PDB file of all heavy atoms in Angstrom:
ATOM      1  N   ARG A   1     -12.848   7.383   4.364  1.00  0.00           N
ATOM      2  CA  ARG A   1     -12.163   7.160   5.629  1.00  0.00           C
ATOM      3  C   ARG A   1     -10.677   6.855   5.447  1.00  0.00           C
ATOM      4  O   ARG A   1      -9.860   7.262   6.273  1.00  0.00           O
ATOM      5  CB  ARG A   1     -12.809   6.011   6.407  1.00  0.00           C
ATOM      6  CG  ARG A   1     -14.272   6.243   6.750  1.00  0.00           C
ATOM      7  CD  ARG A   1     -14.802   5.170   7.699  1.00  0.00           C
ATOM      8  NE  ARG A   1     -14.751   3.834   7.104  1.00  0.00           N
ATOM      9  CZ  ARG A   1     -14.069   2.815   7.606  1.00  0.00           C
ATOM     10  NH1 ARG A   1     -13.368   2.960   8.722  1.00  0.00           N
ATOM     11  NH2 ARG A   1     -14.099   1.631   7.005  1.00  0.00           N
ATOM     12  N   PHE A   2     -10.336   6.134   4.384  1.00  0.00           N
ATOM     13  CA  PHE A   2      -8.951   5.732   4.132  1.00  0.00           C
ATOM     14  C   PHE A   2      -8.387   6.508   2.952  1.00  0.00           C
ATOM     15  O   PHE A   2      -9.115   6.849   2.008  1.00  0.00           O
ATOM     16  CB  PHE A   2      -8.858   4.240   3.801  1.00  0.00           C
ATOM     17  CG  PHE A   2      -9.153   3.308   4.945  1.00  0.00           C
ATOM     18  CD1 PHE A   2      -9.677   3.755   6.145  1.00  0.00           C
ATOM     19  CD2 PHE A   2      -8.897   1.951   4.798  1.00  0.00           C
ATOM     20  CE1 PHE A   2      -9.949   2.883   7.192  1.00  0.00           C
ATOM     21  CE2 PHE A   2      -9.162   1.061   5.835  1.00  0.00           C
ATOM     22  CZ  PHE A   2      -9.690   1.529   7.027  1.00  0.00           C
ATOM     23  N   THR A   3      -7.084   6.758   2.982  1.00  0.00           N
ATOM     24  CA  THR A   3      -6.398   7.428   1.887  1.00  0.00           C
ATOM     25  C   THR A   3      -5.091   6.705   1.587  1.00  0.00           C
ATOM     26  O   THR A   3      -4.277   6.491   2.488  1.00  0.00           O
ATOM     27  CB  THR A   3      -6.097   8.895   2.216  1.00  0.00           C
ATOM     28  OG1 THR A   3      -7.311   9.585   2.523  1.00  0.00           O
ATOM     29  CG2 THR A   3      -5.429   9.576   1.026  1.00  0.00           C
ATOM     30  N   ILE A   4      -4.892   6.332   0.326  1.00  0.00           N
ATOM     31  CA  ILE A   4      -3.641   5.716  -0.085  1.00  0.00           C
ATOM     32  C   ILE A   4      -2.774   6.775  -0.752  1.00  0.00           C
ATOM     33  O   ILE A   4      -3.265   7.630  -1.489  1.00  0.00           O
ATOM     34  CB  ILE A   4      -3.884   4.517  -1.031  1.00  0.00           C
ATOM     35  CG1 ILE A   4      -2.576   3.760  -1.291  1.00  0.00           C
ATOM     36  CG2 ILE A   4      -4.535   4.945  -2.335  1.00  0.00           C
ATOM     37  CD1 ILE A   4      -2.769   2.425  -2.009  1.00  0.00           C
ATOM     38  N   SER A   5      -1.489   6.727  -0.482  1.00  0.00           N
ATOM     39  CA  SER A   5      -0.544   7.657  -1.084  1.00  0.00           C
ATOM     40  C   SER A   5       0.801   6.964  -1.227  1.00  0.00           C
ATOM     41  O   SER A   5       0.997   5.868  -0.707  1.00  0.00           O
ATOM     42  CB  SER A   5      -0.406   8.934  -0.250  1.00  0.00           C
ATOM     43  OG  SER A   5       0.072   8.641   1.051  1.00  0.00           O
ATOM     44  N   ARG A   6       1.720   7.603  -1.937  1.00  0.00           N
ATOM     45  CA  ARG A   6       3.029   6.985  -2.103  1.00  0.00           C
ATOM     46  C   ARG A   6       4.118   8.030  -2.237  1.00  0.00           C
ATOM     47  O   ARG A   6       3.856   9.174  -2.605  1.00  0.00           O
ATOM     48  CB  ARG A   6       3.066   6.044  -3.327  1.00  0.00           C
ATOM     49  CG  ARG A   6       3.264   6.748  -4.678  1.00  0.00           C
ATOM     50  CD  ARG A   6       1.932   7.070  -5.310  1.00  0.00           C
ATOM     51  NE  ARG A   6       2.073   7.558  -6.679  1.00  0.00           N
ATOM     52  CZ  ARG A   6       2.041   8.838  -7.020  1.00  0.00           C
ATOM     53  NH1 ARG A   6       1.866   9.786  -6.092  1.00  0.00           N
ATOM     54  NH2 ARG A   6       2.170   9.194  -8.290  1.00  0.00           N
ATOM     55  N   ASP A   7       5.326   7.622  -1.929  1.00  0.00           N
ATOM     56  CA  ASP A   7       6.522   8.412  -2.118  1.00  0.00           C
ATOM     57  C   ASP A   7       7.332   7.674  -3.174  1.00  0.00           C
ATOM     58  O   ASP A   7       7.998   6.684  -2.869  1.00  0.00           O
ATOM     59  CB  ASP A   7       7.300   8.546  -0.816  1.00  0.00           C
ATOM     60  CG  ASP A   7       8.519   9.439  -0.952  1.00  0.00           C
ATOM     61  OD1 ASP A   7       9.042   9.597  -2.068  1.00  0.00           O
ATOM     62  OD2 ASP A   7       8.968   9.982   0.074  1.00  0.00           O
ATOM     63  N   ASN A   8       7.264   8.135  -4.407  1.00  0.00           N
ATOM     64  CA  ASN A   8       7.916   7.437  -5.507  1.00  0.00           C
ATOM     65  C   ASN A   8       9.437   7.361  -5.338  1.00  0.00           C
ATOM     66  O   ASN A   8      10.059   6.365  -5.703  1.00  0.00           O
ATOM     67  CB  ASN A   8       7.585   8.112  -6.837  1.00  0.00           C
ATOM     68  CG  ASN A   8       6.149   7.886  -7.266  1.00  0.00           C
ATOM     69  OD1 ASN A   8       5.515   6.907  -6.882  1.00  0.00           O
ATOM     70  ND2 ASN A   8       5.631   8.783  -8.085  1.00  0.00           N
ATOM     71  N   ALA A   9      10.026   8.405  -4.794  1.00  0.00           N
ATOM     72  CA  ALA A   9      11.471   8.436  -4.628  1.00  0.00           C
ATOM     73  C   ALA A   9      11.957   7.362  -3.664  1.00  0.00           C
ATOM     74  O   ALA A   9      13.086   6.879  -3.780  1.00  0.00           O
ATOM     75  CB  ALA A   9      11.921   9.810  -4.149  1.00  0.00           C
ATOM     76  N   LYS A  10      11.113   6.981  -2.713  1.00  0.00           N
ATOM     77  CA  LYS A  10      11.486   5.992  -1.706  1.00  0.00           C
ATOM     78  C   LYS A  10      10.804   4.643  -1.909  1.00  0.00           C
ATOM     79  O   LYS A  10      10.957   3.747  -1.081  1.00  0.00           O
ATOM     80  CB  LYS A  10      11.165   6.517  -0.313  1.00  0.00           C
ATOM     81  CG  LYS A  10      11.945   7.767   0.068  1.00  0.00           C
ATOM     82  CD  LYS A  10      11.592   8.233   1.471  1.00  0.00           C
ATOM     83  CE  LYS A  10      12.393   9.464   1.855  1.00  0.00           C
ATOM     84  NZ  LYS A  10      12.050   9.941   3.223  1.00  0.00           N
ATOM     85  N   ASN A  11      10.051   4.498  -3.006  1.00  0.00           N
ATOM     86  CA  ASN A  11       9.311   3.260  -3.285  1.00  0.00           C
ATOM     87  C   ASN A  11       8.491   2.822  -2.073  1.00  0.00           C
ATOM     88  O   ASN A  11       8.500   1.651  -1.682  1.00  0.00           O
ATOM     89  CB  ASN A  11      10.267   2.146  -3.721  1.00  0.00           C
ATOM     90  CG  ASN A  11      10.842   2.381  -5.099  1.00  0.00           C
ATOM     91  OD1 ASN A  11      10.235   3.039  -5.941  1.00  0.00           O
ATOM     92  ND2 ASN A  11      12.025   1.832  -5.347  1.00  0.00           N
ATOM     93  N   THR A  12       7.778   3.768  -1.496  1.00  0.00           N
ATOM     94  CA  THR A  12       7.001   3.526  -0.296  1.00  0.00           C
ATOM     95  C   THR A  12       5.538   3.905  -0.519  1.00  0.00           C
ATOM     96  O   THR A  12       5.252   4.936  -1.128  1.00  0.00           O
ATOM     97  CB  THR A  12       7.565   4.322   0.888  1.00  0.00           C
ATOM     98  OG1 THR A  12       8.924   3.933   1.123  1.00  0.00           O
ATOM     99  CG2 THR A  12       6.757   4.080   2.148  1.00  0.00           C
ATOM    100  N   VAL A  13       4.635   3.077  -0.017  1.00  0.00           N
ATOM    101  CA  VAL A  13       3.210   3.348  -0.091  1.00  0.00           C
ATOM    102  C   VAL A  13       2.655   3.433   1.326  1.00  0.00           C
ATOM    103  O   VAL A  13       3.122   2.731   2.235  1.00  0.00           O
ATOM    104  CB  VAL A  13       2.471   2.272  -0.920  1.00  0.00           C
ATOM    105  CG1 VAL A  13       2.571   0.901  -0.263  1.00  0.00           C
ATOM    106  CG2 VAL A  13       1.017   2.672  -1.146  1.00  0.00           C
ATOM    107  N   PHE A  14       1.666   4.313   1.520  1.00  0.00           N
ATOM    108  CA  PHE A  14       1.075   4.540   2.823  1.00  0.00           C
ATOM    109  C   PHE A  14      -0.430   4.307   2.755  1.00  0.00           C
ATOM    110  O   PHE A  14      -1.057   4.445   1.704  1.00  0.00           O
ATOM    111  CB  PHE A  14       1.321   5.971   3.293  1.00  0.00           C
ATOM    112  CG  PHE A  14       2.762   6.381   3.293  1.00  0.00           C
ATOM    113  CD1 PHE A  14       3.303   7.041   2.200  1.00  0.00           C
ATOM    114  CD2 PHE A  14       3.578   6.115   4.373  1.00  0.00           C
ATOM    115  CE1 PHE A  14       4.632   7.431   2.181  1.00  0.00           C
ATOM    116  CE2 PHE A  14       4.909   6.493   4.374  1.00  0.00           C
ATOM    117  CZ  PHE A  14       5.438   7.152   3.284  1.00  0.00           C
ATOM    118  N   LEU A  15      -1.002   3.977   3.885  1.00  0.00           N
ATOM    119  CA  LEU A  15      -2.453   3.902   4.016  1.00  0.00           C
ATOM    120  C   LEU A  15      -2.843   4.626   5.290  1.00  0.00           C
ATOM    121  O   LEU A  15      -2.585   4.135   6.391  1.00  0.00           O
ATOM    122  CB  LEU A  15      -2.950   2.456   4.055  1.00  0.00           C
ATOM    123  CG  LEU A  15      -4.470   2.290   4.063  1.00  0.00           C
ATOM    124  CD1 LEU A  15      -5.063   2.750   2.725  1.00  0.00           C
ATOM    125  CD2 LEU A  15      -4.868   0.841   4.349  1.00  0.00           C
ATOM    126  N   GLN A  16      -3.437   5.804   5.138  1.00  0.00           N
ATOM    127  CA  GLN A  16      -3.945   6.559   6.273  1.00  0.00           C
ATOM    128  C   GLN A  16      -5.363   6.095   6.552  1.00  0.00           C
ATOM    129  O   GLN A  16      -6.232   6.196   5.687  1.00  0.00           O
ATOM    130  CB  GLN A  16      -3.931   8.057   5.979  1.00  0.00           C
ATOM    131  CG  GLN A  16      -4.475   8.927   7.103  1.00  0.00           C
ATOM    132  CD  GLN A  16      -3.623   8.880   8.345  1.00  0.00           C
ATOM    133  OE1 GLN A  16      -2.403   8.993   8.268  1.00  0.00           O
ATOM    134  NE2 GLN A  16      -4.253   8.716   9.508  1.00  0.00           N
ATOM    135  N   MET A  17      -5.602   5.591   7.751  1.00  0.00           N
ATOM    136  CA  MET A  17      -6.895   5.041   8.125  1.00  0.00           C
ATOM    137  C   MET A  17      -7.493   5.883   9.243  1.00  0.00           C
ATOM    138  O   MET A  17      -6.943   5.936  10.345  1.00  0.00           O
ATOM    139  CB  MET A  17      -6.756   3.580   8.567  1.00  0.00           C
ATOM    140  CG  MET A  17      -6.093   2.687   7.520  1.00  0.00           C
ATOM    141  SD  MET A  17      -6.047   0.943   8.017  1.00  0.00           S
ATOM    142  CE  MET A  17      -4.910   1.042   9.398  1.00  0.00           C
ATOM    143  N   ASN A  18      -8.605   6.526   8.953  1.00  0.00           N
ATOM    144  CA  ASN A  18      -9.304   7.360   9.919  1.00  0.00           C
ATOM    145  C   ASN A  18     -10.679   6.782  10.220  1.00  0.00           C
ATOM    146  O   ASN A  18     -11.201   5.963   9.468  1.00  0.00           O
ATOM    147  CB  ASN A  18      -9.455   8.790   9.390  1.00  0.00           C
ATOM    148  CG  ASN A  18      -8.138   9.482   9.134  1.00  0.00           C
ATOM    149  OD1 ASN A  18      -7.163   9.267   9.853  1.00  0.00           O
ATOM    150  ND2 ASN A  18      -8.101  10.335   8.112  1.00  0.00           N
ATOM    151  N   SER A  19     -11.271   7.237  11.310  1.00  0.00           N
ATOM    152  CA  SER A  19     -12.613   6.797  11.711  1.00  0.00           C
ATOM    153  C   SER A  19     -12.720   5.278  11.697  1.00  0.00           C
ATOM    154  O   SER A  19     -13.674   4.701  11.159  1.00  0.00           O
ATOM    155  CB  SER A  19     -13.667   7.423  10.794  1.00  0.00           C
ATOM    156  OG  SER A  19     -13.609   8.832  10.834  1.00  0.00           O
ATOM    157  N   LEU A  20     -11.755   4.621  12.299  1.00  0.00           N
ATOM    158  CA  LEU A  20     -11.688   3.166  12.254  1.00  0.00           C
ATOM    159  C   LEU A  20     -12.863   2.523  12.985  1.00  0.00           C
ATOM    160  O   LEU A  20     -13.327   3.021  14.010  1.00  0.00           O
ATOM    161  CB  LEU A  20     -10.367   2.682  12.840  1.00  0.00           C
ATOM    162  CG  LEU A  20      -9.174   2.849  11.894  1.00  0.00           C
ATOM    163  CD1 LEU A  20      -7.862   2.788  12.665  1.00  0.00           C
ATOM    164  CD2 LEU A  20      -9.202   1.771  10.811  1.00  0.00           C
ATOM    165  N   LYS A  21     -13.311   1.412  12.422  1.00  0.00           N
ATOM    166  CA  LYS A  21     -14.426   0.644  12.953  1.00  0.00           C
ATOM    167  C   LYS A  21     -13.958  -0.757  13.320  1.00  0.00           C
ATOM    168  O   LYS A  21     -12.974  -1.246  12.770  1.00  0.00           O
ATOM    169  CB  LYS A  21     -15.543   0.540  11.907  1.00  0.00           C
ATOM    170  CG  LYS A  21     -16.045   1.864  11.368  1.00  0.00           C
ATOM    171  CD  LYS A  21     -17.043   1.644  10.240  1.00  0.00           C
ATOM    172  CE  LYS A  21     -17.545   2.953   9.681  1.00  0.00           C
ATOM    173  NZ  LYS A  21     -18.514   2.736   8.567  1.00  0.00           N
ATOM    174  N   PRO A  22     -14.663  -1.429  14.226  1.00  0.00           N
ATOM    175  CA  PRO A  22     -14.279  -2.802  14.566  1.00  0.00           C
ATOM    176  C   PRO A  22     -14.202  -3.716  13.344  1.00  0.00           C
ATOM    177  O   PRO A  22     -13.348  -4.613  13.306  1.00  0.00           O
ATOM    178  CB  PRO A  22     -15.387  -3.242  15.526  1.00  0.00           C
ATOM    179  CG  PRO A  22     -15.807  -1.980  16.197  1.00  0.00           C
ATOM    180  CD  PRO A  22     -15.741  -0.936  15.115  1.00  0.00           C
ATOM    181  N   GLU A  23     -15.049  -3.504  12.346  1.00  0.00           N
ATOM    182  CA  GLU A  23     -15.025  -4.337  11.156  1.00  0.00           C
ATOM    183  C   GLU A  23     -13.803  -4.101  10.269  1.00  0.00           C
ATOM    184  O   GLU A  23     -13.592  -4.824   9.292  1.00  0.00           O
ATOM    185  CB  GLU A  23     -16.309  -4.167  10.325  1.00  0.00           C
ATOM    186  CG  GLU A  23     -16.654  -2.726   9.996  1.00  0.00           C
ATOM    187  CD  GLU A  23     -17.691  -2.145  10.941  1.00  0.00           C
ATOM    188  OE1 GLU A  23     -17.565  -2.360  12.172  1.00  0.00           O
ATOM    189  OE2 GLU A  23     -18.635  -1.486  10.459  1.00  0.00           O
ATOM    190  N   ASP A  24     -12.992  -3.097  10.584  1.00  0.00           N
ATOM    191  CA  ASP A  24     -11.728  -2.893   9.887  1.00  0.00           C
ATOM    192  C   ASP A  24     -10.637  -3.814  10.413  1.00  0.00           C
ATOM    193  O   ASP A  24      -9.541  -3.862   9.838  1.00  0.00           O
ATOM    194  CB  ASP A  24     -11.261  -1.441  10.015  1.00  0.00           C
ATOM    195  CG  ASP A  24     -12.180  -0.456   9.307  1.00  0.00           C
ATOM    196  OD1 ASP A  24     -12.624  -0.758   8.178  1.00  0.00           O
ATOM    197  OD2 ASP A  24     -12.449   0.619   9.882  1.00  0.00           O
ATOM    198  N   THR A  25     -10.904  -4.509  11.500  1.00  0.00           N
ATOM    199  CA  THR A  25      -9.923  -5.418  12.079  1.00  0.00           C
ATOM    200  C   THR A  25      -9.556  -6.507  11.084  1.00  0.00           C
ATOM    201  O   THR A  25     -10.421  -7.220  10.572  1.00  0.00           O
ATOM    202  CB  THR A  25     -10.470  -6.045  13.370  1.00  0.00           C
ATOM    203  OG1 THR A  25     -10.676  -5.025  14.346  1.00  0.00           O
ATOM    204  CG2 THR A  25      -9.491  -7.072  13.932  1.00  0.00           C
ATOM    205  N   ALA A  26      -8.264  -6.644  10.798  1.00  0.00           N
ATOM    206  CA  ALA A  26      -7.783  -7.600   9.809  1.00  0.00           C
ATOM    207  C   ALA A  26      -6.264  -7.552   9.759  1.00  0.00           C
ATOM    208  O   ALA A  26      -5.640  -6.670  10.342  1.00  0.00           O
ATOM    209  CB  ALA A  26      -8.352  -7.278   8.421  1.00  0.00           C
ATOM    210  N   VAL A  27      -5.694  -8.506   9.039  1.00  0.00           N
ATOM    211  CA  VAL A  27      -4.292  -8.415   8.672  1.00  0.00           C
ATOM    212  C   VAL A  27      -4.223  -7.670   7.349  1.00  0.00           C
ATOM    213  O   VAL A  27      -4.903  -8.030   6.388  1.00  0.00           O
ATOM    214  CB  VAL A  27      -3.636  -9.800   8.534  1.00  0.00           C
ATOM    215  CG1 VAL A  27      -2.188  -9.663   8.073  1.00  0.00           C
ATOM    216  CG2 VAL A  27      -3.698 -10.544   9.863  1.00  0.00           C
ATOM    217  N   TYR A  28      -3.420  -6.628   7.307  1.00  0.00           N
ATOM    218  CA  TYR A  28      -3.293  -5.801   6.118  1.00  0.00           C
ATOM    219  C   TYR A  28      -2.002  -6.148   5.381  1.00  0.00           C
ATOM    220  O   TYR A  28      -0.924  -6.203   5.980  1.00  0.00           O
ATOM    221  CB  TYR A  28      -3.306  -4.319   6.492  1.00  0.00           C
ATOM    222  CG  TYR A  28      -4.686  -3.813   6.838  1.00  0.00           C
ATOM    223  CD1 TYR A  28      -5.316  -4.219   8.007  1.00  0.00           C
ATOM    224  CD2 TYR A  28      -5.372  -2.948   5.989  1.00  0.00           C
ATOM    225  CE1 TYR A  28      -6.598  -3.784   8.324  1.00  0.00           C
ATOM    226  CE2 TYR A  28      -6.648  -2.501   6.299  1.00  0.00           C
ATOM    227  CZ  TYR A  28      -7.256  -2.924   7.462  1.00  0.00           C
ATOM    228  OH  TYR A  28      -8.526  -2.475   7.761  1.00  0.00           O
ATOM    229  N   TYR A  29      -2.117  -6.366   4.069  1.00  0.00           N
ATOM    230  CA  TYR A  29      -0.998  -6.784   3.241  1.00  0.00           C
ATOM    231  C   TYR A  29      -0.688  -5.748   2.170  1.00  0.00           C
ATOM    232  O   TYR A  29      -1.580  -5.298   1.453  1.00  0.00           O
ATOM    233  CB  TYR A  29      -1.297  -8.109   2.540  1.00  0.00           C
ATOM    234  CG  TYR A  29      -1.484  -9.283   3.469  1.00  0.00           C
ATOM    235  CD1 TYR A  29      -2.750  -9.628   3.934  1.00  0.00           C
ATOM    236  CD2 TYR A  29      -0.404 -10.053   3.876  1.00  0.00           C
ATOM    237  CE1 TYR A  29      -2.930 -10.707   4.779  1.00  0.00           C
ATOM    238  CE2 TYR A  29      -0.576 -11.129   4.721  1.00  0.00           C
ATOM    239  CZ  TYR A  29      -1.844 -11.455   5.169  1.00  0.00           C
ATOM    240  OH  TYR A  29      -2.019 -12.530   6.001  1.00  0.00           O
ATOM    241  N   CYS A  30       0.562  -5.406   2.054  1.00  0.00           N
ATOM    242  CA  CYS A  30       1.041  -4.546   0.982  1.00  0.00           C
ATOM    243  C   CYS A  30       1.274  -5.379  -0.273  1.00  0.00           C
ATOM    244  O   CYS A  30       1.685  -6.546  -0.199  1.00  0.00           O
ATOM    245  CB  CYS A  30       2.339  -3.869   1.431  1.00  0.00           C
ATOM    246  SG  CYS A  30       3.079  -2.765   0.222  1.00  0.00           S
ATOM    247  N   TYR A  31       1.028  -4.785  -1.433  1.00  0.00           N
ATOM    248  CA  TYR A  31       1.156  -5.471  -2.718  1.00  0.00           C
ATOM    249  C   TYR A  31       1.779  -4.516  -3.728  1.00  0.00           C
ATOM    250  O   TYR A  31       1.453  -3.324  -3.743  1.00  0.00           O
ATOM    251  CB  TYR A  31      -0.230  -5.917  -3.192  1.00  0.00           C
ATOM    252  CG  TYR A  31      -0.311  -6.418  -4.610  1.00  0.00           C
ATOM    253  CD1 TYR A  31      -0.051  -7.748  -4.918  1.00  0.00           C
ATOM    254  CD2 TYR A  31      -0.687  -5.560  -5.645  1.00  0.00           C
ATOM    255  CE1 TYR A  31      -0.150  -8.216  -6.215  1.00  0.00           C
ATOM    256  CE2 TYR A  31      -0.791  -6.021  -6.947  1.00  0.00           C
ATOM    257  CZ  TYR A  31      -0.529  -7.355  -7.229  1.00  0.00           C
ATOM    258  OH  TYR A  31      -0.638  -7.805  -8.515  1.00  0.00           O
ATOM    259  N   ILE A  32       2.656  -5.043  -4.576  1.00  0.00           N
ATOM    260  CA  ILE A  32       3.303  -4.218  -5.586  1.00  0.00           C
ATOM    261  C   ILE A  32       3.358  -4.945  -6.919  1.00  0.00           C
ATOM    262  O   ILE A  32       3.609  -6.150  -6.973  1.00  0.00           O
ATOM    263  CB  ILE A  32       4.728  -3.790  -5.144  1.00  0.00           C
ATOM    264  CG1 ILE A  32       5.381  -2.886  -6.191  1.00  0.00           C
ATOM    265  CG2 ILE A  32       5.603  -5.007  -4.858  1.00  0.00           C
ATOM    266  CD1 ILE A  32       6.717  -2.307  -5.742  1.00  0.00           C
ATOM    267  N   GLU A  33       3.095  -4.213  -7.986  1.00  0.00           N
ATOM    268  CA  GLU A  33       3.295  -4.666  -9.355  1.00  0.00           C
ATOM    269  C   GLU A  33       4.425  -3.817  -9.919  1.00  0.00           C
ATOM    270  O   GLU A  33       4.318  -2.590  -9.936  1.00  0.00           O
ATOM    271  CB  GLU A  33       2.035  -4.480 -10.199  1.00  0.00           C
ATOM    272  CG  GLU A  33       0.818  -5.195  -9.659  1.00  0.00           C
ATOM    273  CD  GLU A  33      -0.455  -4.808 -10.392  1.00  0.00           C
ATOM    274  OE1 GLU A  33      -0.373  -4.081 -11.410  1.00  0.00           O
ATOM    275  OE2 GLU A  33      -1.547  -5.220  -9.946  1.00  0.00           O
ATOM    276  N   ALA A  34       5.491  -4.464 -10.373  1.00  0.00           N
ATOM    277  CA  ALA A  34       6.664  -3.704 -10.774  1.00  0.00           C
ATOM    278  C   ALA A  34       7.428  -4.397 -11.880  1.00  0.00           C
ATOM    279  O   ALA A  34       7.365  -5.621 -12.040  1.00  0.00           O
ATOM    280  CB  ALA A  34       7.585  -3.478  -9.579  1.00  0.00           C
ATOM    281  N   TRP A  35       8.150  -3.583 -12.660  1.00  0.00           N
ATOM    282  CA  TRP A  35       9.137  -4.103 -13.583  1.00  0.00           C
ATOM    283  C   TRP A  35      10.441  -4.229 -12.811  1.00  0.00           C
ATOM    284  O   TRP A  35      10.924  -3.263 -12.214  1.00  0.00           O
ATOM    285  CB  TRP A  35       9.309  -3.179 -14.782  1.00  0.00           C
ATOM    286  CG  TRP A  35       8.187  -3.243 -15.764  1.00  0.00           C
ATOM    287  CD1 TRP A  35       8.061  -4.088 -16.822  1.00  0.00           C
ATOM    288  CD2 TRP A  35       7.016  -2.409 -15.783  1.00  0.00           C
ATOM    289  NE1 TRP A  35       6.887  -3.850 -17.505  1.00  0.00           N
ATOM    290  CE2 TRP A  35       6.233  -2.820 -16.889  1.00  0.00           C
ATOM    291  CE3 TRP A  35       6.558  -1.365 -14.980  1.00  0.00           C
ATOM    292  CZ2 TRP A  35       5.014  -2.222 -17.205  1.00  0.00           C
ATOM    293  CZ3 TRP A  35       5.347  -0.768 -15.291  1.00  0.00           C
ATOM    294  CH2 TRP A  35       4.590  -1.197 -16.387  1.00  0.00           C
ATOM    295  N   VAL A  36      11.011  -5.414 -12.857  1.00  0.00           N
ATOM    296  CA  VAL A  36      12.218  -5.713 -12.101  1.00  0.00           C
ATOM    297  C   VAL A  36      13.361  -5.977 -13.065  1.00  0.00           C
ATOM    298  O   VAL A  36      13.175  -6.627 -14.097  1.00  0.00           O
ATOM    299  CB  VAL A  36      12.004  -6.933 -11.190  1.00  0.00           C
ATOM    300  CG1 VAL A  36      13.276  -7.272 -10.430  1.00  0.00           C
ATOM    301  CG2 VAL A  36      10.855  -6.661 -10.227  1.00  0.00           C
ATOM    302  N   ALA A  37      14.526  -5.486 -12.727  1.00  0.00           N
ATOM    303  CA  ALA A  37      15.702  -5.677 -13.562  1.00  0.00           C
ATOM    304  C   ALA A  37      15.952  -7.159 -13.820  1.00  0.00           C
ATOM    305  O   ALA A  37      15.978  -7.968 -12.889  1.00  0.00           O
ATOM    306  CB  ALA A  37      16.927  -5.044 -12.906  1.00  0.00           C
ATOM    307  N   GLY A  38      16.094  -7.513 -15.098  1.00  0.00           N
ATOM    308  CA  GLY A  38      16.393  -8.878 -15.477  1.00  0.00           C
ATOM    309  C   GLY A  38      15.188  -9.776 -15.678  1.00  0.00           C
ATOM    310  O   GLY A  38      15.355 -10.944 -16.042  1.00  0.00           O
ATOM    311  N   ILE A  39      13.977  -9.275 -15.457  1.00  0.00           N
ATOM    312  CA  ILE A  39      12.761 -10.066 -15.609  1.00  0.00           C
ATOM    313  C   ILE A  39      11.860  -9.426 -16.652  1.00  0.00           C
ATOM    314  O   ILE A  39      11.576  -8.231 -16.589  1.00  0.00           O
ATOM    315  CB  ILE A  39      12.004 -10.207 -14.279  1.00  0.00           C
ATOM    316  CG1 ILE A  39      12.877 -10.919 -13.255  1.00  0.00           C
ATOM    317  CG2 ILE A  39      10.696 -10.965 -14.481  1.00  0.00           C
ATOM    318  CD1 ILE A  39      12.242 -11.046 -11.891  1.00  0.00           C
ATOM    319  N   LEU A  40      11.395 -10.239 -17.606  1.00  0.00           N
ATOM    320  CA  LEU A  40      10.523  -9.751 -18.657  1.00  0.00           C
ATOM    321  C   LEU A  40       9.100  -9.623 -18.125  1.00  0.00           C
ATOM    322  O   LEU A  40       8.576 -10.554 -17.504  1.00  0.00           O
ATOM    323  CB  LEU A  40      10.559 -10.698 -19.856  1.00  0.00           C
ATOM    324  CG  LEU A  40       9.815 -10.258 -21.114  1.00  0.00           C
ATOM    325  CD1 LEU A  40      10.441  -9.006 -21.689  1.00  0.00           C
ATOM    326  CD2 LEU A  40       9.825 -11.382 -22.144  1.00  0.00           C
ATOM    327  N   GLY A  41       8.473  -8.487 -18.386  1.00  0.00           N
ATOM    328  CA  GLY A  41       7.128  -8.252 -17.909  1.00  0.00           C
ATOM    329  C   GLY A  41       7.096  -7.825 -16.451  1.00  0.00           C
ATOM    330  O   GLY A  41       8.137  -7.707 -15.790  1.00  0.00           O
TER     331      GLY A  41
END
């Protein structure tokens, strides 16, 4: 039902949600793991 995708050039992630159900009701949070300039790891 759901598909995750991203645009690497724009550092953007998408979540296409189809056939939604009442139990999908929630707060949705984006999360990223990244190497950041000036930070080790």
